[in-house]
Amino acid sequence: MAVGNLEFIKSASGTSVSSLSVTDCFSADYDVYYITSNTFKPSANANGIFRLIDSGGSVITASEYDYATLSVRAYGTFTETKATATTFMGYTFYSDANGTQGSGLALYIINPNNSSSYTFALYQESSFNTGSGGLGRKGIGVHKVAEQITGINFAGDTGTADFDIKVFGVK
């Protein structure tokens, strides 16, 4: 996706948290948002996942998401992961315990403020698996309920983690 000008909206970070919410970051000002992170340091080997936050401030954990992800590993076969009617919108990070090798994320959220449309996501991440090698992921996701979305929530699929998230509006 070609990116025009970015306008910084909000950032959030947390240390040893079970999840991190970035609230009130989506509005009628933009149709597309770019979210980036270079910090995912889990307490154990973990994948990062993300969910949306509704206009009432609640993290949406119901089975309202579909996603498809392609994992490209330097140390093995490429794999596809996909799910329908699941409780999160996709895998955004991977890191070994304590994130010693780092992880990077580029995530686009499309139409979050439009209560007449589904909300879509496009994402890619890169990370490194200690002892194995590089890992890249590219994915898509959809929240299949037309409602206003005002924020986003990140978590590890196990344990706690450190996060640092930045949200930009795309002009």
Protein backbone atom coordinates (compact mmCIF):
# COMPACT_ATOMS: atom_id res chain seq x y z
CA MET A 1 0.00 0.00 0.00
CA ALA A 2 1.46 3.34 -1.00
CA VAL A 3 1.79 5.64 1.96
CA GLY A 4 1.30 9.37 1.70
CA ASN A 5 1.90 11.68 4.59
CA LEU A 6 1.69 10.25 8.07
CA GLU A 7 0.40 12.21 11.04
CA PHE A 8 1.35 10.99 14.49
CA ILE A 9 -1.77 10.23 16.56
CA LYS A 10 -0.76 8.41 19.73
CA SER A 11 1.71 6.02 21.32
CA ALA A 12 1.49 3.56 24.17
CA SER A 13 3.92 1.26 25.92
CA GLY A 14 3.86 -1.27 28.70
CA THR A 15 6.30 -3.46 30.59
CA SER A 16 5.45 -7.04 31.63
CA VAL A 17 1.77 -6.59 30.76
CA SER A 18 -0.72 -9.26 29.68
CA SER A 19 -2.02 -6.87 27.01
CA LEU A 20 -1.67 -3.26 25.88
CA SER A 21 -4.58 -1.12 24.68
CA VAL A 22 -4.21 2.02 22.59
CA THR A 23 -7.53 3.76 23.17
CA ASP A 24 -9.23 6.62 21.34
CA CYS A 25 -6.73 6.55 18.49
CA PHE A 26 -9.20 6.05 15.58
CA SER A 27 -11.56 8.86 14.56
CA ALA A 28 -13.38 10.30 11.55
CA ASP A 29 -10.19 12.18 10.59
CA TYR A 30 -8.70 9.23 8.67
CA ASP A 31 -9.90 6.14 6.82
CA VAL A 32 -6.52 4.40 7.09
CA TYR A 33 -4.17 4.13 10.07
CA TYR A 34 -0.58 2.92 10.17
CA ILE A 35 0.62 1.24 13.36
CA THR A 36 4.24 0.38 13.97
CA SER A 37 6.27 -1.27 16.69
CA ASN A 38 9.79 -2.51 17.17
CA THR A 39 9.27 -3.81 20.70
CA PHE A 40 7.71 -7.14 21.59
CA LYS A 41 9.57 -8.76 24.48
CA PRO A 42 7.58 -11.68 25.89
CA SER A 43 8.28 -13.55 29.11
CA ALA A 44 8.28 -16.84 27.13
CA ASN A 45 8.41 -17.75 23.44
CA ALA A 46 5.23 -16.17 22.09
CA ASN A 47 3.27 -14.88 19.14
CA GLY A 48 1.72 -11.43 19.33
CA ILE A 49 -1.97 -11.05 18.51
CA PHE A 50 -4.25 -8.05 18.14
CA ARG A 51 -7.90 -7.21 18.72
CA LEU A 52 -10.00 -4.11 18.20
CA ILE A 53 -11.67 -1.88 20.79
CA ASP A 54 -15.30 -0.83 20.27
CA SER A 55 -16.81 2.62 20.83
CA GLY A 56 -17.76 1.62 24.39
CA GLY A 57 -14.07 1.04 25.23
CA SER A 58 -14.30 -2.78 25.36
CA VAL A 59 -11.75 -5.07 23.75
CA ILE A 60 -13.65 -7.23 21.26
CA THR A 61 -12.95 -10.84 22.26
CA ALA A 62 -16.00 -12.43 20.61
CA SER A 63 -15.55 -14.73 17.59
CA GLU A 64 -15.96 -11.88 15.10
CA TYR A 65 -12.64 -12.00 13.22
CA ASP A 66 -11.23 -13.82 10.18
CA TYR A 67 -7.54 -13.77 9.25
CA ALA A 68 -4.96 -15.36 6.97
CA THR A 69 -1.21 -15.22 7.55
CA LEU A 70 1.75 -16.45 5.52
CA SER A 71 4.86 -17.24 7.59
CA VAL A 72 8.14 -17.21 5.68
CA ARG A 73 10.89 -18.93 7.64
CA ALA A 74 14.57 -18.95 6.77
CA TYR A 75 14.84 -22.22 8.72
CA GLY A 76 11.96 -24.26 7.33
CA THR A 77 8.95 -24.47 5.13
CA PHE A 78 6.60 -21.58 4.52
CA THR A 79 3.25 -22.03 6.25
CA GLU A 80 -0.20 -20.54 6.04
CA THR A 81 -2.34 -19.96 9.11
CA LYS A 82 -5.95 -18.98 8.68
CA ALA A 83 -9.08 -18.93 10.77
CA THR A 84 -12.67 -17.81 10.58
CA ALA A 85 -14.91 -16.77 13.46
CA THR A 86 -11.92 -16.44 15.78
CA THR A 87 -11.29 -14.23 18.81
CA PHE A 88 -8.38 -12.16 17.43
CA MET A 89 -7.58 -10.43 14.15
CA GLY A 90 -4.16 -11.93 13.38
CA TYR A 91 -0.61 -12.73 14.45
CA THR A 92 1.56 -9.62 14.55
CA PHE A 93 4.82 -10.61 16.24
CA TYR A 94 6.96 -13.56 17.16
CA SER A 95 9.77 -13.48 19.67
CA ASP A 96 11.75 -15.81 21.84
CA ALA A 97 11.68 -15.30 25.60
CA ASN A 98 12.52 -11.71 26.54
CA GLY A 99 12.65 -10.58 22.89
CA THR A 100 16.41 -10.75 22.73
CA GLN A 101 16.42 -10.81 18.93
CA GLY A 102 13.80 -8.14 18.28
CA SER A 103 10.67 -7.92 16.19
CA GLY A 104 9.23 -5.28 13.87
CA LEU A 105 5.64 -4.61 12.82
CA ALA A 106 3.90 -2.60 10.09
CA LEU A 107 0.10 -2.75 10.43
CA TYR A 108 -2.61 -0.90 8.51
CA ILE A 109 -6.14 -0.60 9.92
CA ILE A 110 -8.76 0.39 7.35
CA ASN A 111 -12.21 1.95 8.00
CA PRO A 112 -12.22 1.65 11.81
CA ASN A 113 -14.46 4.67 12.38
CA ASN A 114 -17.07 3.73 9.76
CA SER A 115 -19.96 2.08 11.60
CA SER A 116 -21.44 0.93 8.27
CA SER A 117 -18.37 -1.06 7.21
CA TYR A 118 -16.27 -3.97 8.38
CA THR A 119 -12.80 -3.03 9.66
CA PHE A 120 -9.87 -4.51 7.75
CA ALA A 121 -6.18 -5.05 8.54
CA LEU A 122 -3.05 -5.59 6.45
CA TYR A 123 0.12 -6.44 8.33
CA GLN A 124 3.67 -7.66 8.04
CA GLU A 125 6.30 -8.40 10.62
CA SER A 126 9.88 -9.54 10.81
CA SER A 127 11.59 -11.28 13.68
CA PHE A 128 14.39 -13.66 14.51
CA ASN A 129 14.14 -17.04 16.18
CA THR A 130 17.26 -17.69 18.28
CA GLY A 131 19.08 -20.76 17.03
CA SER A 132 16.94 -21.02 13.90
CA GLY A 133 16.97 -17.81 11.88
CA GLY A 134 14.74 -15.14 10.41
CA LEU A 135 10.96 -15.17 10.24
CA GLY A 136 8.67 -12.91 8.26
CA ARG A 137 4.89 -12.82 8.22
CA LYS A 138 2.38 -11.13 5.97
CA GLY A 139 -1.31 -11.21 6.71
CA ILE A 140 -4.80 -9.86 6.31
CA GLY A 141 -7.67 -9.69 8.76
CA VAL A 142 -11.26 -8.55 8.97
CA HIS A 143 -13.60 -7.72 11.83
CA LYS A 144 -16.92 -8.97 10.49
CA VAL A 145 -19.24 -6.69 12.44
CA ALA A 146 -20.03 -3.23 11.09
CA GLU A 147 -19.45 -0.97 14.09
CA GLN A 148 -17.35 1.99 15.13
CA ILE A 149 -13.86 1.01 16.31
CA THR A 150 -11.93 3.47 18.46
CA GLY A 151 -8.79 1.59 19.49
CA ILE A 152 -6.60 -1.48 19.27
CA ASN A 153 -5.30 -4.04 21.77
CA PHE A 154 -2.10 -6.11 21.56
CA ALA A 155 -1.25 -9.22 23.58
CA GLY A 156 1.01 -12.23 23.53
CA ASP A 157 -0.63 -15.61 23.07
CA THR A 158 1.03 -16.66 26.32
CA GLY A 159 2.49 -14.90 29.37
CA THR A 160 3.32 -11.21 29.62
CA ALA A 161 5.31 -8.93 27.35
CA ASP A 162 6.82 -5.47 26.86
CA PHE A 163 5.21 -3.43 24.06
CA ASP A 164 5.88 -0.08 22.39
CA ILE A 165 3.21 0.94 19.84
CA LYS A 166 2.87 4.06 17.67
CA VAL A 167 -0.28 5.01 15.72
CA PHE A 168 -0.32 7.34 12.69
CA GLY A 169 -3.12 8.61 10.47
CA VAL A 170 -2.50 8.20 6.73
CA LYS A 171 -3.38 11.30 4.66
